[in-house]
Amino acid sequence: MQGLPKNKSKWFLIAVLVGLLLCIRAGEGQWFYDPLLTYFKGDYQNLPLPPLDSFRYGVHLYLRYGLNSLISMSILFVVFRQREQLRFVAYLYVGLGLILGITFFLLYNSSTDAPKLLIFYVRRFLIQPLFLLLFIPAFFYQNKHR
């Protein structure tokens, strides 16, 4: 127990923010338009990709990505309290979001032979806060070696 920080409000805030990420995940079917949710839960390798309303899907995809990104950046700020790192992460989230979103729609619309597993993983990076799992250890390492 000695390793735990004395600042309990910091841990409470982190728990609330993680809870918000879990709420987004739990409500994904009701709050966001995503026909690929049920598609990728089934035997998708033998089925054609479902039709998408590209504009509506793009809005919901980026809304979810934005919410996850804001909450993830809040967690990073609570943990590290460094505005310079937060600014850097914000640029990374915007850049990676644009690259992954464009890649997703290019793969989805390119042909019926697009590798479905690649579409699955690009989409996964957009709808899940996976970058947070990469940034936390990277920042711990960077702060340790300063």
N, C-alpha and C. Protein backbone atom coordinates (compact mmCIF):
# COMPACT_ATOMS: atom_id res chain seq x y z
N MET A 1 0.81 -1.20 0.00
CA MET A 1 0.00 0.00 0.00
C MET A 1 0.85 1.26 0.00
N GLN A 2 2.15 1.14 0.28
CA GLN A 2 2.99 2.33 0.31
C GLN A 2 3.13 2.95 -1.07
N GLY A 3 3.04 2.12 -2.12
CA GLY A 3 3.21 2.64 -3.47
C GLY A 3 2.05 3.48 -3.96
N LEU A 4 0.90 3.38 -3.29
CA LEU A 4 -0.25 4.16 -3.72
C LEU A 4 -0.06 5.63 -3.37
N PRO A 5 -0.38 6.52 -4.29
CA PRO A 5 -0.25 7.95 -3.98
C PRO A 5 -1.21 8.35 -2.87
N LYS A 6 -0.84 9.39 -2.15
CA LYS A 6 -1.65 9.87 -1.04
C LYS A 6 -2.84 10.68 -1.53
N ASN A 7 -2.83 11.07 -2.76
CA ASN A 7 -3.88 11.92 -3.31
C ASN A 7 -5.06 11.05 -3.76
N LYS A 8 -6.01 10.84 -2.86
CA LYS A 8 -7.14 9.97 -3.16
C LYS A 8 -8.10 10.60 -4.16
N SER A 9 -8.16 11.93 -4.20
CA SER A 9 -9.05 12.57 -5.17
C SER A 9 -8.56 12.33 -6.60
N LYS A 10 -7.26 12.23 -6.75
CA LYS A 10 -6.70 11.92 -8.07
C LYS A 10 -7.16 10.53 -8.54
N TRP A 11 -7.11 9.54 -7.65
CA TRP A 11 -7.54 8.20 -7.98
C TRP A 11 -9.04 8.14 -8.21
N PHE A 12 -9.80 8.91 -7.45
CA PHE A 12 -11.24 8.96 -7.64
C PHE A 12 -11.56 9.54 -9.02
N LEU A 13 -10.88 10.60 -9.40
CA LEU A 13 -11.11 11.22 -10.71
C LEU A 13 -10.74 10.26 -11.85
N ILE A 14 -9.65 9.55 -11.69
CA ILE A 14 -9.27 8.55 -12.70
C ILE A 14 -10.34 7.47 -12.79
N ALA A 15 -10.86 7.02 -11.65
CA ALA A 15 -11.91 5.99 -11.66
C ALA A 15 -13.17 6.51 -12.35
N VAL A 16 -13.53 7.77 -12.11
CA VAL A 16 -14.71 8.36 -12.77
C VAL A 16 -14.48 8.42 -14.28
N LEU A 17 -13.30 8.83 -14.70
CA LEU A 17 -13.01 8.94 -16.14
C LEU A 17 -13.00 7.56 -16.81
N VAL A 18 -12.43 6.57 -16.15
CA VAL A 18 -12.46 5.21 -16.69
C VAL A 18 -13.91 4.72 -16.75
N GLY A 19 -14.71 5.08 -15.73
CA GLY A 19 -16.12 4.73 -15.74
C GLY A 19 -16.85 5.34 -16.94
N LEU A 20 -16.48 6.58 -17.30
CA LEU A 20 -17.07 7.21 -18.49
C LEU A 20 -16.71 6.44 -19.76
N LEU A 21 -15.46 5.99 -19.85
CA LEU A 21 -15.06 5.17 -21.00
C LEU A 21 -15.88 3.87 -21.05
N LEU A 22 -16.10 3.29 -19.89
CA LEU A 22 -16.90 2.07 -19.84
C LEU A 22 -18.36 2.34 -20.21
N CYS A 23 -18.88 3.50 -19.83
CA CYS A 23 -20.26 3.86 -20.21
C CYS A 23 -20.40 4.01 -21.72
N ILE A 24 -19.40 4.61 -22.33
CA ILE A 24 -19.43 4.74 -23.80
C ILE A 24 -19.44 3.36 -24.44
N ARG A 25 -18.62 2.48 -23.92
CA ARG A 25 -18.57 1.11 -24.45
C ARG A 25 -19.90 0.39 -24.22
N ALA A 26 -20.47 0.54 -23.03
CA ALA A 26 -21.72 -0.15 -22.71
C ALA A 26 -22.89 0.38 -23.53
N GLY A 27 -22.89 1.66 -23.86
CA GLY A 27 -24.00 2.24 -24.59
C GLY A 27 -23.78 2.35 -26.08
N GLU A 28 -22.75 1.70 -26.59
CA GLU A 28 -22.41 1.86 -28.00
C GLU A 28 -23.55 1.47 -28.94
N GLY A 29 -24.28 0.45 -28.60
CA GLY A 29 -25.36 -0.01 -29.47
C GLY A 29 -26.55 0.93 -29.51
N GLN A 30 -26.79 1.64 -28.41
CA GLN A 30 -27.94 2.54 -28.35
C GLN A 30 -27.59 3.97 -28.79
N TRP A 31 -26.38 4.41 -28.53
CA TRP A 31 -26.03 5.81 -28.75
C TRP A 31 -25.40 6.09 -30.11
N PHE A 32 -24.80 5.09 -30.71
CA PHE A 32 -24.05 5.31 -31.95
C PHE A 32 -24.58 4.42 -33.08
N TYR A 33 -24.64 5.00 -34.26
CA TYR A 33 -25.02 4.23 -35.45
C TYR A 33 -23.80 3.42 -35.87
N ASP A 34 -23.90 2.11 -35.77
CA ASP A 34 -22.78 1.26 -36.15
C ASP A 34 -23.27 -0.13 -36.53
N PRO A 35 -23.65 -0.32 -37.82
CA PRO A 35 -24.10 -1.65 -38.24
C PRO A 35 -22.98 -2.69 -38.21
N LEU A 36 -21.74 -2.23 -38.07
CA LEU A 36 -20.63 -3.18 -38.02
C LEU A 36 -20.50 -3.85 -36.66
N LEU A 37 -21.17 -3.33 -35.64
CA LEU A 37 -21.12 -3.97 -34.32
C LEU A 37 -21.65 -5.40 -34.39
N THR A 38 -22.83 -5.56 -34.92
CA THR A 38 -23.41 -6.90 -35.01
C THR A 38 -22.73 -7.72 -36.11
N TYR A 39 -22.27 -7.05 -37.15
CA TYR A 39 -21.60 -7.76 -38.24
C TYR A 39 -20.34 -8.46 -37.75
N PHE A 40 -19.50 -7.76 -36.99
CA PHE A 40 -18.25 -8.35 -36.54
C PHE A 40 -18.42 -9.30 -35.37
N LYS A 41 -19.62 -9.34 -34.76
CA LYS A 41 -19.88 -10.31 -33.70
C LYS A 41 -20.26 -11.67 -34.28
N GLY A 42 -20.66 -11.70 -35.54
CA GLY A 42 -21.09 -12.94 -36.17
C GLY A 42 -19.98 -13.56 -37.00
N ASP A 43 -20.38 -14.44 -37.89
CA ASP A 43 -19.44 -15.12 -38.80
C ASP A 43 -19.21 -14.22 -40.01
N TYR A 44 -18.47 -13.14 -39.78
CA TYR A 44 -18.33 -12.11 -40.81
C TYR A 44 -17.42 -12.50 -41.97
N GLN A 45 -16.57 -13.49 -41.80
CA GLN A 45 -15.65 -13.84 -42.88
C GLN A 45 -16.38 -14.34 -44.12
N ASN A 46 -17.56 -14.92 -43.92
CA ASN A 46 -18.32 -15.48 -45.04
C ASN A 46 -19.44 -14.57 -45.53
N LEU A 47 -19.57 -13.39 -44.91
CA LEU A 47 -20.66 -12.47 -45.27
C LEU A 47 -20.10 -11.22 -45.93
N PRO A 48 -20.88 -10.63 -46.84
CA PRO A 48 -20.45 -9.34 -47.40
C PRO A 48 -20.59 -8.24 -46.34
N LEU A 49 -19.82 -7.18 -46.51
CA LEU A 49 -19.92 -6.05 -45.59
C LEU A 49 -21.31 -5.44 -45.67
N PRO A 50 -21.88 -5.05 -44.53
CA PRO A 50 -23.22 -4.46 -44.57
C PRO A 50 -23.17 -3.05 -45.16
N PRO A 51 -24.27 -2.60 -45.75
CA PRO A 51 -24.29 -1.23 -46.28
C PRO A 51 -24.26 -0.22 -45.14
N LEU A 52 -23.59 0.90 -45.40
CA LEU A 52 -23.48 1.97 -44.41
C LEU A 52 -24.00 3.26 -44.99
N ASP A 53 -24.63 4.05 -44.17
CA ASP A 53 -24.88 5.45 -44.50
C ASP A 53 -23.58 6.15 -44.13
N SER A 54 -22.71 6.39 -45.11
CA SER A 54 -21.35 6.86 -44.85
C SER A 54 -21.30 8.15 -44.05
N PHE A 55 -22.15 9.10 -44.37
CA PHE A 55 -22.12 10.37 -43.63
C PHE A 55 -22.51 10.15 -42.17
N ARG A 56 -23.61 9.46 -41.97
CA ARG A 56 -24.09 9.20 -40.60
C ARG A 56 -23.07 8.37 -39.83
N TYR A 57 -22.52 7.36 -40.46
CA TYR A 57 -21.52 6.53 -39.80
C TYR A 57 -20.28 7.34 -39.46
N GLY A 58 -19.84 8.18 -40.38
CA GLY A 58 -18.67 9.01 -40.12
C GLY A 58 -18.88 9.96 -38.95
N VAL A 59 -20.06 10.57 -38.88
CA VAL A 59 -20.37 11.48 -37.76
C VAL A 59 -20.33 10.71 -36.45
N HIS A 60 -20.97 9.55 -36.39
CA HIS A 60 -21.01 8.78 -35.16
C HIS A 60 -19.64 8.19 -34.80
N LEU A 61 -18.90 7.79 -35.82
CA LEU A 61 -17.56 7.25 -35.59
C LEU A 61 -16.65 8.31 -34.97
N TYR A 62 -16.67 9.51 -35.55
CA TYR A 62 -15.82 10.58 -35.03
C TYR A 62 -16.34 11.17 -33.72
N LEU A 63 -17.64 11.10 -33.51
CA LEU A 63 -18.18 11.53 -32.22
C LEU A 63 -17.66 10.60 -31.12
N ARG A 64 -17.74 9.32 -31.38
CA ARG A 64 -17.24 8.35 -30.39
C ARG A 64 -15.73 8.48 -30.22
N TYR A 65 -15.01 8.64 -31.31
CA TYR A 65 -13.56 8.81 -31.23
C TYR A 65 -13.22 10.07 -30.44
N GLY A 66 -13.96 11.14 -30.69
CA GLY A 66 -13.71 12.40 -29.98
C GLY A 66 -13.98 12.28 -28.48
N LEU A 67 -15.10 11.65 -28.12
CA LEU A 67 -15.41 11.44 -26.70
C LEU A 67 -14.33 10.60 -26.02
N ASN A 68 -13.97 9.49 -26.64
CA ASN A 68 -12.92 8.64 -26.08
C ASN A 68 -11.59 9.40 -25.97
N SER A 69 -11.29 10.21 -26.97
CA SER A 69 -10.03 10.96 -26.96
C SER A 69 -10.01 12.01 -25.86
N LEU A 70 -11.11 12.74 -25.69
CA LEU A 70 -11.17 13.75 -24.63
C LEU A 70 -11.05 13.12 -23.25
N ILE A 71 -11.73 12.03 -23.04
CA ILE A 71 -11.64 11.35 -21.74
C ILE A 71 -10.24 10.78 -21.54
N SER A 72 -9.66 10.21 -22.58
CA SER A 72 -8.30 9.67 -22.49
C SER A 72 -7.29 10.77 -22.18
N MET A 73 -7.43 11.91 -22.85
CA MET A 73 -6.52 13.03 -22.57
C MET A 73 -6.71 13.55 -21.15
N SER A 74 -7.94 13.51 -20.66
CA SER A 74 -8.19 13.91 -19.27
C SER A 74 -7.49 12.97 -18.30
N ILE A 75 -7.53 11.69 -18.58
CA ILE A 75 -6.83 10.71 -17.74
C ILE A 75 -5.33 10.99 -17.77
N LEU A 76 -4.80 11.22 -18.96
CA LEU A 76 -3.36 11.51 -19.07
C LEU A 76 -2.98 12.77 -18.30
N PHE A 77 -3.85 13.78 -18.35
CA PHE A 77 -3.55 15.01 -17.63
C PHE A 77 -3.61 14.79 -16.11
N VAL A 78 -4.60 14.03 -15.66
CA VAL A 78 -4.70 13.76 -14.22
C VAL A 78 -3.48 12.98 -13.73
N VAL A 79 -3.02 12.03 -14.53
CA VAL A 79 -1.89 11.21 -14.13
C VAL A 79 -0.57 11.99 -14.18
N PHE A 80 -0.34 12.74 -15.26
CA PHE A 80 0.98 13.33 -15.48
C PHE A 80 1.06 14.84 -15.21
N ARG A 81 -0.05 15.55 -15.30
CA ARG A 81 -0.10 17.00 -15.03
C ARG A 81 0.92 17.80 -15.85
N GLN A 82 1.06 17.44 -17.11
CA GLN A 82 2.00 18.16 -17.97
C GLN A 82 1.27 18.63 -19.22
N ARG A 83 1.12 19.94 -19.31
CA ARG A 83 0.38 20.52 -20.43
C ARG A 83 1.09 20.32 -21.77
N GLU A 84 2.40 20.33 -21.75
CA GLU A 84 3.15 20.14 -23.00
C GLU A 84 2.89 18.75 -23.58
N GLN A 85 2.89 17.74 -22.73
CA GLN A 85 2.58 16.38 -23.19
C GLN A 85 1.14 16.29 -23.67
N LEU A 86 0.24 16.96 -22.98
CA LEU A 86 -1.17 16.93 -23.36
C LEU A 86 -1.37 17.57 -24.74
N ARG A 87 -0.68 18.66 -25.00
CA ARG A 87 -0.77 19.31 -26.31
C ARG A 87 -0.26 18.36 -27.40
N PHE A 88 0.86 17.70 -27.12
CA PHE A 88 1.41 16.73 -28.07
C PHE A 88 0.43 15.60 -28.34
N VAL A 89 -0.19 15.08 -27.27
CA VAL A 89 -1.17 13.99 -27.41
C VAL A 89 -2.39 14.46 -28.21
N ALA A 90 -2.81 15.70 -27.99
CA ALA A 90 -3.96 16.22 -28.74
C ALA A 90 -3.65 16.22 -30.24
N TYR A 91 -2.46 16.66 -30.61
CA TYR A 91 -2.08 16.62 -32.02
C TYR A 91 -2.03 15.19 -32.55
N LEU A 92 -1.52 14.28 -31.73
CA LEU A 92 -1.49 12.88 -32.15
C LEU A 92 -2.89 12.31 -32.35
N TYR A 93 -3.79 12.60 -31.41
CA TYR A 93 -5.16 12.11 -31.54
C TYR A 93 -5.83 12.65 -32.80
N VAL A 94 -5.65 13.92 -33.09
CA VAL A 94 -6.26 14.49 -34.30
C VAL A 94 -5.65 13.86 -35.55
N GLY A 95 -4.32 13.80 -35.60
CA GLY A 95 -3.66 13.22 -36.77
C GLY A 95 -3.98 11.76 -36.98
N LEU A 96 -3.90 10.99 -35.91
CA LEU A 96 -4.20 9.55 -36.02
C LEU A 96 -5.67 9.32 -36.36
N GLY A 97 -6.55 10.14 -35.79
CA GLY A 97 -7.97 10.01 -36.10
C GLY A 97 -8.25 10.26 -37.57
N LEU A 98 -7.63 11.29 -38.12
CA LEU A 98 -7.82 11.58 -39.55
C LEU A 98 -7.26 10.46 -40.42
N ILE A 99 -6.06 10.02 -40.11
CA ILE A 99 -5.43 8.95 -40.90
C ILE A 99 -6.25 7.66 -40.83
N LEU A 100 -6.65 7.28 -39.62
CA LEU A 100 -7.41 6.03 -39.46
C LEU A 100 -8.81 6.14 -40.07
N GLY A 101 -9.45 7.29 -39.93
CA GLY A 101 -10.78 7.47 -40.53
C GLY A 101 -10.74 7.38 -42.04
N ILE A 102 -9.78 8.07 -42.64
CA ILE A 102 -9.63 8.01 -44.10
C ILE A 102 -9.30 6.59 -44.54
N THR A 103 -8.40 5.95 -43.80
CA THR A 103 -8.03 4.56 -44.14
C THR A 103 -9.23 3.64 -44.05
N PHE A 104 -10.04 3.80 -42.99
CA PHE A 104 -11.22 2.97 -42.83
C PHE A 104 -12.16 3.11 -44.03
N PHE A 105 -12.49 4.36 -44.39
CA PHE A 105 -13.45 4.56 -45.48
C PHE A 105 -12.87 4.14 -46.83
N LEU A 106 -11.58 4.31 -47.03
CA LEU A 106 -10.97 3.82 -48.26
C LEU A 106 -11.03 2.30 -48.34
N LEU A 107 -10.72 1.63 -47.23
CA LEU A 107 -10.80 0.16 -47.22
C LEU A 107 -12.23 -0.31 -47.40
N TYR A 108 -13.15 0.33 -46.71
CA TYR A 108 -14.56 -0.09 -46.77
C TYR A 108 -15.14 0.10 -48.17
N ASN A 109 -14.81 1.20 -48.81
CA ASN A 109 -15.39 1.52 -50.12
C ASN A 109 -14.55 1.04 -51.29
N SER A 110 -13.37 0.49 -51.04
CA SER A 110 -12.47 0.14 -52.14
C SER A 110 -13.01 -0.99 -52.99
N SER A 111 -13.41 -2.05 -52.37
CA SER A 111 -13.94 -3.19 -53.12
C SER A 111 -14.58 -4.17 -52.14
N THR A 112 -15.22 -5.14 -52.69
CA THR A 112 -15.82 -6.16 -51.84
C THR A 112 -14.76 -7.14 -51.34
N ASP A 113 -13.57 -7.08 -51.91
CA ASP A 113 -12.50 -7.99 -51.51
C ASP A 113 -11.55 -7.38 -50.48
N ALA A 114 -11.93 -6.27 -49.90
CA ALA A 114 -11.08 -5.64 -48.88
C ALA A 114 -10.91 -6.61 -47.72
N PRO A 115 -9.70 -6.66 -47.17
CA PRO A 115 -9.48 -7.57 -46.04
C PRO A 115 -10.32 -7.15 -44.83
N LYS A 116 -11.26 -7.99 -44.48
CA LYS A 116 -12.21 -7.64 -43.42
C LYS A 116 -11.54 -7.51 -42.07
N LEU A 117 -10.50 -8.29 -41.84
CA LEU A 117 -9.79 -8.19 -40.57
C LEU A 117 -9.07 -6.85 -40.45
N LEU A 118 -8.55 -6.32 -41.54
CA LEU A 118 -7.92 -5.01 -41.54
C LEU A 118 -8.95 -3.92 -41.25
N ILE A 119 -10.11 -4.02 -41.86
CA ILE A 119 -11.21 -3.08 -41.58
C ILE A 119 -11.59 -3.16 -40.10
N PHE A 120 -11.66 -4.38 -39.58
CA PHE A 120 -12.01 -4.58 -38.17
C PHE A 120 -11.02 -3.87 -37.25
N TYR A 121 -9.72 -4.02 -37.51
CA TYR A 121 -8.72 -3.44 -36.61
C TYR A 121 -8.59 -1.93 -36.75
N VAL A 122 -8.73 -1.41 -37.95
CA VAL A 122 -8.70 0.05 -38.12
C VAL A 122 -9.90 0.65 -37.39
N ARG A 123 -11.05 0.05 -37.56
CA ARG A 123 -12.26 0.50 -36.86
C ARG A 123 -12.09 0.39 -35.35
N ARG A 124 -11.46 -0.66 -34.90
CA ARG A 124 -11.25 -0.88 -33.46
C ARG A 124 -10.43 0.26 -32.85
N PHE A 125 -9.41 0.72 -33.55
CA PHE A 125 -8.61 1.85 -33.05
C PHE A 125 -9.43 3.13 -33.00
N LEU A 126 -10.43 3.24 -33.85
CA LEU A 126 -11.27 4.43 -33.84
C LEU A 126 -12.35 4.40 -32.77
N ILE A 127 -12.87 3.23 -32.44
CA ILE A 127 -14.00 3.19 -31.51
C ILE A 127 -13.60 2.81 -30.09
N GLN A 128 -12.38 2.38 -29.88
CA GLN A 128 -11.91 2.02 -28.54
C GLN A 128 -10.75 2.93 -28.13
N PRO A 129 -10.59 3.21 -26.86
CA PRO A 129 -9.49 4.09 -26.41
C PRO A 129 -8.15 3.35 -26.31
N LEU A 130 -7.75 2.70 -27.39
CA LEU A 130 -6.53 1.91 -27.37
C LEU A 130 -5.26 2.77 -27.29
N PHE A 131 -5.33 3.98 -27.82
CA PHE A 131 -4.14 4.85 -27.76
C PHE A 131 -3.78 5.18 -26.32
N LEU A 132 -4.76 5.24 -25.44
CA LEU A 132 -4.49 5.49 -24.03
C LEU A 132 -3.58 4.41 -23.46
N LEU A 133 -3.82 3.17 -23.87
CA LEU A 133 -3.00 2.06 -23.39
C LEU A 133 -1.57 2.14 -23.92
N LEU A 134 -1.36 2.86 -24.99
CA LEU A 134 -0.01 3.06 -25.53
C LEU A 134 0.66 4.29 -24.91
N PHE A 135 -0.12 5.34 -24.67
CA PHE A 135 0.46 6.59 -24.19
C PHE A 135 0.87 6.53 -22.72
N ILE A 136 0.12 5.86 -21.88
CA ILE A 136 0.46 5.83 -20.45
C ILE A 136 1.84 5.23 -20.21
N PRO A 137 2.15 4.03 -20.72
CA PRO A 137 3.50 3.51 -20.49
C PRO A 137 4.59 4.36 -21.17
N ALA A 138 4.26 4.92 -22.33
CA ALA A 138 5.25 5.76 -23.02
C ALA A 138 5.58 6.99 -22.19
N PHE A 139 4.59 7.61 -21.59
CA PHE A 139 4.84 8.80 -20.78
C PHE A 139 5.52 8.46 -19.46
N PHE A 140 5.18 7.31 -18.87
CA PHE A 140 5.89 6.89 -17.67
C PHE A 140 7.37 6.71 -17.99
N TYR A 141 7.66 6.06 -19.10
CA TYR A 141 9.03 5.84 -19.51
C TYR A 141 9.74 7.16 -19.77
N GLN A 142 9.08 8.06 -20.48
CA GLN A 142 9.67 9.34 -20.80
C GLN A 142 9.94 10.16 -19.53
N ASN A 143 8.99 10.18 -18.61
CA ASN A 143 9.18 10.93 -17.36
C ASN A 143 10.25 10.32 -16.47
N LYS A 144 10.38 9.01 -16.53
CA LYS A 144 11.40 8.33 -15.73
C LYS A 144 12.80 8.66 -16.23
N HIS A 145 12.95 8.84 -17.51
CA HIS A 145 14.27 9.07 -18.11
C HIS A 145 14.55 10.53 -18.39
N ARG A 146 13.84 11.43 -17.76
CA ARG A 146 14.12 12.86 -17.91
C ARG A 146 15.19 13.29 -16.98
